[in-house]
Protein backbone atom coordinates (compact mmCIF):
# COMPACT_ATOMS: atom_id res chain seq x y z
CA UNK A 1 74.65 -22.39 -12.07
CA UNK A 2 75.41 -19.17 -13.87
CA UNK A 3 78.72 -18.23 -15.42
CA UNK A 4 80.41 -15.62 -13.27
CA UNK A 5 82.28 -14.10 -16.18
CA UNK A 6 80.99 -10.60 -16.89
CA UNK A 7 79.10 -11.06 -20.17
CA UNK A 8 79.60 -7.44 -21.11
CA UNK A 9 83.35 -7.91 -21.20
CA UNK A 10 82.93 -10.31 -24.11
CA UNK A 11 84.79 -9.15 -27.17
CA UNK A 12 83.73 -9.61 -30.78
CA UNK A 13 85.85 -12.69 -31.11
CA UNK A 14 84.12 -14.45 -28.22
CA UNK A 15 80.46 -13.59 -28.44
CA UNK A 16 77.92 -15.65 -26.45
CA UNK A 17 76.66 -17.45 -29.55
CA UNK A 18 80.18 -18.44 -30.53
CA UNK A 19 80.84 -20.07 -27.16
CA UNK A 20 77.55 -21.90 -26.88
CA UNK A 21 77.20 -25.62 -27.34
CA UNK A 22 75.74 -26.84 -30.66
CA UNK A 23 72.38 -27.49 -29.07
CA UNK A 24 72.26 -24.07 -27.37
CA UNK A 25 73.43 -22.29 -30.52
CA UNK A 26 70.69 -23.98 -32.53
CA UNK A 27 68.03 -22.70 -30.14
CA UNK A 28 69.25 -19.19 -29.37
CA UNK A 29 71.61 -18.07 -32.16
CA UNK A 30 70.58 -15.37 -34.60
CA UNK A 31 71.38 -15.68 -38.31
CA UNK A 32 74.91 -14.35 -38.59
CA UNK A 33 76.00 -12.43 -41.68
CA UNK A 34 72.42 -12.02 -42.92
CA UNK A 35 72.21 -8.22 -43.23
CA UNK A 36 74.60 -5.67 -44.71
CA UNK A 37 75.04 -1.91 -44.53
CA UNK A 38 72.06 -1.12 -46.78
CA UNK A 39 69.81 -3.58 -44.97
CA UNK A 40 70.59 -1.99 -41.60
CA UNK A 41 70.19 1.46 -43.18
CA UNK A 42 66.64 0.58 -44.25
CA UNK A 43 65.81 -0.61 -40.74
CA UNK A 44 67.04 2.72 -39.39
CA UNK A 45 65.28 4.83 -42.04
CA UNK A 46 62.08 2.88 -41.36
CA UNK A 47 62.30 3.74 -37.68
CA UNK A 48 62.52 7.40 -38.68
CA UNK A 49 59.44 7.02 -40.95
CA UNK A 50 60.56 9.88 -43.25
CA UNK A 51 57.12 10.74 -44.64
CA UNK A 52 55.60 10.69 -41.16
CA UNK A 53 58.35 12.98 -39.88
CA UNK A 54 57.87 15.48 -42.69
CA UNK A 55 54.07 15.47 -42.79
CA UNK A 56 53.62 15.35 -39.02
CA UNK A 57 56.44 17.50 -37.72
CA UNK A 58 57.13 20.19 -40.33
CA UNK A 59 53.99 22.29 -39.73
CA UNK A 60 54.56 22.22 -35.96
CA UNK A 61 58.26 23.05 -36.27
CA UNK A 62 57.52 25.96 -38.61
CA UNK A 63 54.48 27.39 -36.81
CA UNK A 64 55.53 26.86 -33.19
CA UNK A 65 59.31 26.79 -33.59
CA UNK A 66 61.63 28.96 -35.62
CA UNK A 67 59.65 29.29 -38.86
CA UNK A 68 61.89 29.32 -41.94
CA UNK A 69 64.85 28.35 -39.72
CA UNK A 70 63.41 24.87 -39.06
CA UNK A 71 65.57 23.20 -41.76
CA UNK A 72 68.67 24.49 -39.96
CA UNK A 73 67.53 22.79 -36.75
CA UNK A 74 67.84 19.39 -38.46
CA UNK A 75 71.45 20.12 -39.33
CA UNK A 76 72.22 21.30 -35.77
CA UNK A 77 70.77 18.12 -34.28
CA UNK A 78 72.53 16.08 -36.96
CA UNK A 79 75.87 17.55 -35.84
CA UNK A 80 75.08 16.74 -32.18
CA UNK A 81 74.18 13.15 -33.05
CA UNK A 82 77.32 12.73 -35.20
CA UNK A 83 79.42 13.82 -32.22
CA UNK A 84 77.55 11.31 -30.04
CA UNK A 85 78.06 8.62 -32.68
CA UNK A 86 81.87 8.96 -32.46
CA UNK A 87 81.96 7.37 -29.00
CA UNK A 88 79.05 5.07 -29.82
CA UNK A 89 80.94 3.61 -32.80
CA UNK A 90 84.13 3.30 -30.74
CA UNK A 91 82.23 1.10 -28.28
CA UNK A 92 80.64 -0.94 -31.06
CA UNK A 93 84.15 -1.91 -32.22
CA UNK A 94 85.01 -3.25 -28.77
CA UNK A 95 81.74 -4.87 -27.72
CA UNK A 96 79.39 -6.89 -29.87
CA UNK A 97 75.87 -7.19 -28.53
CA UNK A 98 72.44 -6.84 -30.08
CA UNK A 99 71.37 -4.85 -27.02
CA UNK A 100 73.68 -1.91 -27.67
CA UNK A 101 72.87 0.46 -24.80
CA UNK A 102 72.65 -2.42 -22.34
CA UNK A 103 75.98 -3.82 -23.45
CA UNK A 104 77.87 -0.53 -23.47
CA UNK A 105 76.55 0.81 -20.17
CA UNK A 106 77.11 -2.56 -18.49
CA UNK A 107 80.68 -2.70 -19.75
CA UNK A 108 81.36 0.64 -18.07
CA UNK A 109 79.19 0.66 -14.95
CA UNK A 110 78.22 -2.96 -14.25
CA UNK A 111 75.15 -5.11 -14.73
CA UNK A 112 72.81 -3.19 -12.41
CA UNK A 113 73.18 0.18 -14.16
CA UNK A 114 73.24 -1.67 -17.49
CA UNK A 115 69.91 -3.30 -16.66
CA UNK A 116 68.44 0.10 -15.86
CA UNK A 117 69.64 1.34 -19.27
CA UNK A 118 68.11 -1.72 -20.94
CA UNK A 119 64.74 -1.09 -19.36
CA UNK A 120 64.89 2.54 -20.47
CA UNK A 121 65.64 1.40 -24.02
CA UNK A 122 62.70 -0.99 -23.93
CA UNK A 123 60.52 1.83 -22.57
CA UNK A 124 61.61 4.18 -25.36
CA UNK A 125 61.21 1.70 -28.21
CA UNK A 126 57.97 0.16 -26.92
CA UNK A 127 56.26 3.51 -26.33
CA UNK A 128 57.30 4.98 -29.67
CA UNK A 129 56.02 1.86 -31.40
CA UNK A 130 52.73 2.12 -29.51
CA UNK A 131 52.55 5.80 -30.51
CA UNK A 132 53.02 4.77 -34.15
CA UNK A 133 50.17 2.26 -33.82
CA UNK A 134 47.91 5.11 -32.73
CA UNK A 135 48.80 7.38 -35.63
CA UNK A 136 48.81 4.43 -38.03
CA UNK A 137 45.32 3.35 -36.99
CA UNK A 138 43.98 6.89 -37.33
CA UNK A 139 45.65 7.46 -40.73
CA UNK A 140 44.57 4.07 -42.10
CA UNK A 141 41.02 4.58 -40.86
CA UNK A 142 40.97 7.98 -42.57
CA UNK A 143 42.17 6.54 -45.89
CA UNK A 144 39.49 3.84 -45.77
CA UNK A 145 36.94 6.46 -44.76
CA UNK A 146 37.50 8.36 -47.99
CA UNK A 147 36.50 5.18 -49.82
CA UNK A 148 33.32 4.87 -47.74
CA UNK A 149 34.65 2.09 -45.52
CA UNK A 150 34.30 2.71 -41.78
CA UNK A 151 36.74 0.75 -39.63
CA UNK A 152 37.75 1.82 -36.10
CA UNK A 153 41.42 2.72 -35.66
CA UNK A 154 42.00 0.21 -32.88
CA UNK A 155 40.78 -2.74 -34.96
CA UNK A 156 43.20 -1.85 -37.74
CA UNK A 157 46.00 -1.53 -35.17
CA UNK A 158 45.24 -4.95 -33.66
CA UNK A 159 45.09 -6.69 -37.04
CA UNK A 160 48.39 -5.11 -37.97
CA UNK A 161 49.96 -6.32 -34.72
CA UNK A 162 49.18 -9.88 -35.76
CA UNK A 163 50.74 -9.33 -39.20
CA UNK A 164 53.86 -7.72 -37.72
CA UNK A 165 54.17 -10.62 -35.30
CA UNK A 166 54.24 -13.07 -38.22
CA UNK A 167 56.81 -11.00 -40.11
CA UNK A 168 58.98 -10.66 -37.00
CA UNK A 169 59.13 -14.45 -36.70
CA UNK A 170 60.59 -14.85 -40.18
CA UNK A 171 64.19 -14.26 -41.21
CA UNK A 172 65.61 -10.76 -41.08
CA UNK A 173 66.38 -10.60 -44.81
CA UNK A 174 62.64 -10.68 -45.56
CA UNK A 175 62.02 -7.84 -43.10
CA UNK A 176 64.76 -5.79 -44.67
CA UNK A 177 63.31 -6.32 -48.16
CA UNK A 178 59.81 -5.28 -47.07
CA UNK A 179 61.17 -2.17 -45.42
CA UNK A 180 63.30 -1.33 -48.45
CA UNK A 181 60.19 -1.22 -50.64
CA UNK A 182 58.09 0.80 -48.19
CA UNK A 183 60.86 3.30 -47.38
CA UNK A 184 61.84 3.58 -51.03
CA UNK A 185 58.33 4.63 -52.05
CA UNK A 186 57.93 7.34 -49.41
CA UNK A 187 61.42 8.71 -49.97
CA UNK A 188 60.79 8.76 -53.73
CA UNK A 189 57.67 10.92 -53.55
CA UNK A 190 59.32 13.35 -51.12
CA UNK A 191 62.39 13.65 -53.34
CA UNK A 192 60.12 14.16 -56.34
CA UNK A 193 58.56 17.12 -54.53
CA UNK A 194 61.89 18.45 -53.32
CA UNK A 195 63.70 18.39 -56.66
CA UNK A 196 60.65 19.81 -58.48
CA UNK A 197 60.67 22.85 -56.20
CA UNK A 198 64.46 23.11 -56.47
CA UNK A 199 64.49 22.99 -60.30
CA UNK A 200 61.73 25.59 -60.41
CA UNK A 201 63.87 27.92 -58.36
CA UNK A 202 61.65 27.77 -55.29
CA UNK A 203 58.40 29.65 -54.76
CA UNK A 204 57.46 33.33 -54.74
CA UNK A 205 60.67 34.36 -52.96
CA UNK A 206 63.05 32.00 -54.72
CA UNK A 207 65.69 29.92 -52.91
CA UNK A 208 67.42 31.43 -49.89
CA UNK A 209 70.03 29.55 -47.90
CA UNK A 210 70.41 32.39 -45.39
CA UNK A 211 66.67 32.40 -44.59
CA UNK A 212 66.88 28.81 -43.31
CA UNK A 213 70.46 28.04 -42.40
CA UNK A 214 72.02 31.23 -41.02
CA UNK A 215 72.61 31.36 -37.24
CA UNK A 216 70.06 34.19 -36.99
CA UNK A 217 67.41 32.13 -38.76
CA UNK A 218 68.05 29.00 -36.68
CA UNK A 219 67.95 30.99 -33.43
CA UNK A 220 64.78 32.95 -34.29
CA UNK A 221 61.42 32.35 -32.62
CA UNK A 222 61.38 29.27 -30.43
CA UNK A 223 64.26 27.13 -31.76
CA UNK A 224 63.83 24.63 -28.93
CA UNK A 225 60.55 23.38 -30.39
CA UNK A 226 62.09 22.81 -33.82
CA UNK A 227 65.08 21.06 -32.21
CA UNK A 228 62.71 18.73 -30.33
CA UNK A 229 61.11 17.60 -33.56
CA UNK A 230 64.54 17.25 -35.16
CA UNK A 231 65.57 14.93 -32.32
CA UNK A 232 62.41 12.87 -32.89
CA UNK A 233 63.35 12.54 -36.56
CA UNK A 234 66.68 10.95 -35.52
CA UNK A 235 64.95 8.43 -33.26
CA UNK A 236 66.26 4.91 -33.77
CA UNK A 237 69.56 5.57 -35.56
CA UNK A 238 71.37 3.74 -32.78
CA UNK A 239 69.60 0.54 -33.81
CA UNK A 240 72.55 -0.01 -36.16
CA UNK A 241 74.34 -1.71 -33.26
CA UNK A 242 71.29 -3.81 -32.35
CA UNK A 243 71.83 -5.87 -35.51
CA UNK A 244 75.55 -6.42 -34.92
CA UNK A 245 75.08 -10.15 -34.27
CA UNK A 246 73.45 -10.52 -37.70
CA UNK A 247 75.60 -8.06 -39.65
CA UNK A 248 78.06 -8.96 -42.37
CA UNK A 249 81.50 -7.93 -41.05
CA UNK A 250 79.98 -6.26 -37.99
CA UNK A 251 83.23 -4.41 -37.17
CA UNK A 252 82.82 -2.25 -40.29
CA UNK A 253 79.11 -2.57 -41.01
CA UNK A 254 77.87 -1.01 -37.77
CA UNK A 255 80.21 1.99 -38.04
CA UNK A 256 79.38 2.63 -41.68
CA UNK A 257 75.64 2.19 -41.18
CA UNK A 258 75.67 4.52 -38.15
CA UNK A 259 77.42 7.43 -39.85
CA UNK A 260 75.55 6.87 -43.11
CA UNK A 261 72.16 6.81 -41.40
CA UNK A 262 72.80 9.97 -39.39
CA UNK A 263 74.09 11.81 -42.45
CA UNK A 264 71.26 10.67 -44.72
CA UNK A 265 68.56 11.49 -42.16
CA UNK A 266 69.90 14.95 -41.30
CA UNK A 267 70.46 15.98 -44.94
CA UNK A 268 67.20 14.48 -46.16
CA UNK A 269 64.96 16.12 -43.55
CA UNK A 270 66.82 19.40 -43.87
CA UNK A 271 66.51 19.42 -47.68
CA UNK A 272 62.80 18.53 -47.82
CA UNK A 273 61.86 21.02 -45.10
CA UNK A 274 63.93 23.69 -46.89
CA UNK A 275 61.98 23.01 -50.07
CA UNK A 276 58.73 23.41 -48.13
CA UNK A 277 59.97 26.76 -46.83
CA UNK A 278 61.01 27.75 -50.34
CA UNK A 279 57.66 26.66 -51.80
CA UNK A 280 55.70 28.94 -49.46
CA UNK A 281 58.41 31.61 -49.13
CA UNK A 282 60.34 32.39 -45.91
CA UNK A 283 58.05 35.31 -45.05
CA UNK A 284 54.85 33.28 -45.54
CA UNK A 285 55.73 29.82 -44.24
CA UNK A 286 54.75 30.55 -40.61
CA UNK A 287 51.29 31.76 -41.68
CA UNK A 288 50.85 28.72 -43.96
CA UNK A 289 51.84 26.27 -41.21
CA UNK A 290 49.62 28.05 -38.69
CA UNK A 291 46.66 27.93 -41.06
CA UNK A 292 47.16 24.20 -41.54
CA UNK A 293 47.18 23.63 -37.78
CA UNK A 294 44.08 25.78 -37.26
CA UNK A 295 42.20 23.90 -39.98
CA UNK A 296 42.44 20.70 -37.93
CA UNK A 297 44.30 18.94 -40.74
CA UNK A 298 47.99 19.70 -40.32
CA UNK A 299 48.86 17.31 -43.15
CA UNK A 300 47.56 19.92 -45.61
CA UNK A 301 50.80 21.86 -45.06
CA UNK A 302 52.55 19.15 -47.13
CA UNK A 303 49.69 17.60 -49.11
CA UNK A 304 48.47 20.89 -50.58
CA UNK A 305 51.81 21.62 -52.34
CA UNK A 306 51.84 18.00 -53.55
CA UNK A 307 48.39 18.37 -55.14
CA UNK A 308 49.18 21.78 -56.61
CA UNK A 309 52.40 20.54 -58.21
CA UNK A 310 51.37 17.07 -59.41
CA UNK A 311 47.56 16.86 -59.27
CA UNK A 312 44.98 15.15 -57.00
CA UNK A 313 46.60 11.73 -57.39
CA UNK A 314 49.63 12.95 -55.44
CA UNK A 315 47.51 13.77 -52.40
CA UNK A 316 45.87 10.32 -52.48
CA UNK A 317 49.15 8.47 -52.97
CA UNK A 318 50.90 10.50 -50.26
CA UNK A 319 48.06 9.71 -47.83
CA UNK A 320 48.45 6.00 -48.56
CA UNK A 321 52.23 6.19 -48.25
CA UNK A 322 51.79 7.88 -44.87
CA UNK A 323 50.12 4.65 -43.72
CA UNK A 324 52.91 2.47 -45.13
CA UNK A 325 55.50 4.83 -43.63
CA UNK A 326 54.08 4.19 -40.19
CA UNK A 327 53.86 0.46 -40.89
CA UNK A 328 57.56 0.42 -41.82
CA UNK A 329 58.40 2.18 -38.55
CA UNK A 330 56.34 -0.28 -36.56
CA UNK A 331 58.13 -3.24 -38.20
CA UNK A 332 61.54 -1.69 -37.56
CA UNK A 333 60.87 -1.12 -33.86
CA UNK A 334 59.35 -4.60 -33.52
CA UNK A 335 62.61 -6.09 -34.80
CA UNK A 336 64.73 -3.84 -32.59
CA UNK A 337 62.80 -4.66 -29.42
CA UNK A 338 62.98 -8.38 -30.20
CA UNK A 339 66.76 -8.23 -30.32
CA UNK A 340 66.96 -6.26 -27.10
CA UNK A 341 64.92 -8.90 -25.31
CA UNK A 342 67.02 -11.63 -26.92
CA UNK A 343 70.22 -9.96 -25.68
CA UNK A 344 68.91 -9.57 -22.12
CA UNK A 345 67.90 -13.23 -22.02
CA UNK A 346 71.28 -14.43 -23.32
CA UNK A 347 72.97 -12.54 -20.50
CA UNK A 348 70.72 -13.83 -17.75
CA UNK A 349 68.71 -10.65 -17.08
CA UNK A 350 65.57 -12.38 -18.38
CA UNK A 351 64.50 -16.02 -18.48
CA UNK A 352 66.70 -18.01 -20.85
CA UNK A 353 63.68 -19.12 -22.83
CA UNK A 354 63.18 -15.57 -24.13
CA UNK A 355 66.39 -16.00 -26.16
CA UNK A 356 65.03 -19.01 -28.00
CA UNK A 357 64.99 -18.67 -31.81
CA UNK A 358 63.00 -20.56 -34.42
CA UNK A 359 64.04 -22.40 -37.59
CA UNK A 360 64.57 -19.02 -39.31
CA UNK A 361 66.93 -18.06 -36.46
CA UNK A 362 64.59 -15.21 -35.59
CA UNK A 363 63.87 -14.41 -31.90
CA UNK A 364 60.39 -15.90 -32.00
CA UNK A 365 59.72 -15.93 -28.24
CA UNK A 366 60.85 -12.32 -27.89
CA UNK A 367 58.61 -11.43 -30.86
CA UNK A 368 55.56 -12.83 -29.08
CA UNK A 369 56.42 -10.98 -25.88
CA UNK A 370 56.88 -7.74 -27.81
CA UNK A 371 53.48 -8.14 -29.49
CA UNK A 372 51.80 -8.68 -26.11
CA UNK A 373 53.47 -5.54 -24.72
CA UNK A 374 52.31 -3.53 -27.74
CA UNK A 375 48.76 -4.78 -27.21
CA UNK A 376 48.83 -3.87 -23.50
CA UNK A 377 50.06 -0.36 -24.29
CA UNK A 378 47.51 0.35 -27.00
CA UNK A 379 44.44 -1.41 -25.57
CA UNK A 380 43.65 1.07 -22.72
CA UNK A 381 43.36 3.93 -25.21
CA UNK A 382 40.92 1.90 -27.28
CA UNK A 383 38.86 0.78 -24.27
CA UNK A 384 38.63 4.37 -22.94
CA UNK A 385 37.81 5.73 -26.43
CA UNK A 386 40.67 8.22 -26.30
CA UNK A 387 41.83 10.05 -29.39
CA UNK A 388 44.70 7.95 -30.84
CA UNK A 389 46.60 10.99 -32.12
CA UNK A 390 46.07 13.54 -29.35
CA UNK A 391 46.74 11.04 -26.55
CA UNK A 392 48.38 7.75 -27.59
CA UNK A 393 50.65 9.24 -30.26
CA UNK A 394 51.54 12.54 -28.60
CA UNK A 395 51.98 11.21 -25.04
CA UNK A 396 54.08 8.18 -25.87
CA UNK A 397 56.23 9.85 -28.53
CA UNK A 398 57.15 12.61 -26.06
CA UNK A 399 57.97 10.03 -23.38
CA UNK A 400 60.10 8.05 -25.84
CA UNK A 401 62.15 11.12 -26.81
CA UNK A 402 62.85 11.97 -23.14
CA UNK A 403 63.87 8.39 -22.31
CA UNK A 404 66.13 8.11 -25.33
CA UNK A 405 67.96 11.37 -24.60
CA UNK A 406 68.74 10.09 -21.10
CA UNK A 407 70.07 6.90 -22.68
CA UNK A 408 72.26 8.85 -25.10
CA UNK A 409 73.80 10.79 -22.20
CA UNK A 410 74.33 7.63 -20.14
CA UNK A 411 75.95 5.91 -23.12
CA UNK A 412 78.32 8.87 -23.69
CA UNK A 413 79.40 8.74 -20.05
CA UNK A 414 79.87 4.98 -20.39
CA UNK A 415 82.28 5.49 -23.30
CA UNK A 416 84.48 7.75 -21.17
CA UNK A 417 84.41 5.39 -18.18
CA UNK A 418 85.05 2.24 -20.22
CA UNK A 419 88.03 3.56 -22.19
CA UNK A 420 89.52 5.23 -19.14
CA UNK A 421 89.62 1.83 -17.49
CA UNK A 422 90.86 0.04 -20.59
CA UNK A 423 93.52 2.73 -21.22
CA UNK A 424 93.36 2.65 -25.03
CA UNK A 425 96.13 4.99 -26.32
CA UNK A 426 95.88 7.43 -29.21
CA UNK A 427 92.08 7.79 -29.29
CA UNK A 428 91.49 10.88 -27.16
CA UNK A 429 88.89 12.35 -29.56
CA UNK A 430 86.88 9.11 -29.82
CA UNK A 431 87.05 8.11 -26.16
CA UNK A 432 87.04 11.39 -24.21
CA UNK A 433 86.53 14.66 -26.09
CA UNK A 434 83.63 13.67 -28.34
CA UNK A 435 81.69 11.73 -25.62
CA UNK A 436 82.06 14.57 -23.08
CA UNK A 437 81.02 17.15 -25.66
CA UNK A 438 78.07 14.97 -26.65
CA UNK A 439 76.97 14.66 -23.02
CA UNK A 440 76.93 18.44 -22.62
CA UNK A 441 75.07 19.03 -25.90
CA UNK A 442 72.56 16.25 -25.20
CA UNK A 443 71.97 17.67 -21.74
CA UNK A 444 71.11 21.01 -23.39
CA UNK A 445 68.69 19.29 -25.76
CA UNK A 446 67.10 17.35 -22.89
CA UNK A 447 66.55 20.59 -20.98
CA UNK A 448 64.72 21.98 -24.02
CA UNK A 449 62.54 18.87 -24.19
CA UNK A 450 61.63 19.04 -20.50
CA UNK A 451 60.90 22.78 -20.55
CA UNK A 452 58.64 22.33 -23.59
CA UNK A 453 57.25 18.93 -22.67
CA UNK A 454 53.68 20.05 -21.99
CA UNK A 455 53.49 21.66 -25.43
CA UNK A 456 55.20 18.66 -27.00
CA UNK A 457 52.61 16.15 -25.76
CA UNK A 458 49.65 18.52 -26.05
CA UNK A 459 48.44 17.53 -22.58
CA UNK A 460 48.12 18.98 -19.10
CA UNK A 461 51.00 19.77 -16.77
CA UNK A 462 49.98 16.83 -14.57
CA UNK A 463 50.14 14.45 -17.53
CA UNK A 464 53.56 15.83 -18.50
CA UNK A 465 54.94 15.32 -14.98
CA UNK A 466 53.52 11.80 -14.79
CA UNK A 467 55.08 10.81 -18.10
CA UNK A 468 58.47 12.32 -17.24
CA UNK A 469 58.53 10.56 -13.87
CA UNK A 470 58.15 7.28 -15.72
CA UNK A 471 61.74 7.59 -16.93
CA UNK A 472 63.51 7.41 -13.51
CA UNK A 473 60.93 4.92 -12.21
CA UNK A 474 61.56 2.49 -15.07
CA UNK A 475 65.32 2.90 -14.72
CA UNK A 476 65.11 2.13 -10.98
CA UNK A 477 62.87 -0.86 -11.66
CA UNK A 478 65.48 -2.30 -14.06
CA UNK A 479 68.19 -1.92 -11.44
CA UNK A 480 66.07 -3.57 -8.73
CA UNK A 481 65.12 -6.49 -10.95
CA UNK A 482 68.79 -7.09 -11.75
CA UNK A 483 69.61 -7.03 -8.02
CA UNK A 484 66.94 -9.67 -7.43
CA UNK A 485 68.26 -11.80 -10.32
CA UNK A 486 71.82 -11.69 -8.95
CA UNK A 487 70.68 -12.61 -5.44
CA UNK A 488 68.68 -15.55 -6.77
CA UNK A 489 71.69 -16.74 -8.79
CA UNK A 490 73.93 -16.41 -5.74
CA UNK A 491 71.53 -18.48 -3.60
CA UNK A 492 71.33 -21.15 -6.29
CA UNK A 493 75.11 -21.28 -6.46
CA UNK A 494 75.41 -21.69 -2.69
CA UNK A 495 72.76 -24.44 -2.74
CA UNK A 496 74.57 -26.24 -5.53
């Protein structure tokens, strides 16, 4: 018989793991107090895959977007996400759950809408991870190819899935340490490039703040394209709340990690992209980015300056770090999805066995399910011999961005609804103004994504429509499954 108490009304002081019996806690509890602010920050930065974001997105944002104004787009999106984070953090202080969107939306709108939000989150995280497997396999295969070793991308992806599965079944501290090393290396080489250009006073046209950060520069060309890539660079920051059950002093850790991650990501991407603009010169950067895209190797937009500044070794090392950057992102999303599945199972929206943890107090059953889902998403592209970058990576990353923006808007509305019902005094900015403003701004960004979606995924209009329709279909499926679960529980209760 299920507990009728609304699990989303559980406060931090009475979390599900705290109320469980000793036997249940042993089998489903996560390792409390095992990760701090910096550990969570590395999980978030890994999800962003900084080197991947710079190498993959900067030539597209410059050539197809607003040219030298692309660095300003990162700051604009950073401001939007900070405004969204105000309400997000306010909810994290009231509700502890490692399935953040699910918990927050359920607290405001009930289990059915919450389940729809959870399925959207799983769609977003699973597809972006599958997209990373595609780009990872292609990049790794290319690196091995330069050494005369021919290995198909899909085989490398499958082998890596097995390794990630093993790592995901170990304790979270180990995962955080691995990610700290991988993220540290890629951030280090990008900062080395950035500060070298800065100390040299830029390129042929020097350093110009106005050329990249003035309103005229940000609004030039097609700013919507640059903003889309800026949104993609922020992907996964909300995973700070996913680790609340394992955080040290979750009340403070989640808030600090959220604001710190958004600030670091926005400033970092903006600074490095500004140094790229400065290296080429504001009046030449569009031509340089366009030439890189036309050559068929868009990575040359970043790798060429690296080689020219530091020598051939920098190009080789950066190529290898691109592979580890993607691996770090894959590990981060694997851990995030595990904890979402764990949260859903604890609250009865999935079989209870999915919440089972191993001797490391890691969600081992959820880890195996996540690995199977990743395999099922990637395998068709391998079987059909489709290009892993032009199809798997571009299609699923575009779908993930669209799904996540819908989740952000739904979460902002949930903040307003929840605090209006709870009547918390003296927090008008956190509980009403900021969430409403965030909803409007996120709606504007979503409209840009939809209007540019065909270009974003590099596919046909039919493919774009099919992918976009997946978002409402998956949301509806989550709602219907929750309805079925509640009806089954009600029948069992009557029978008992």
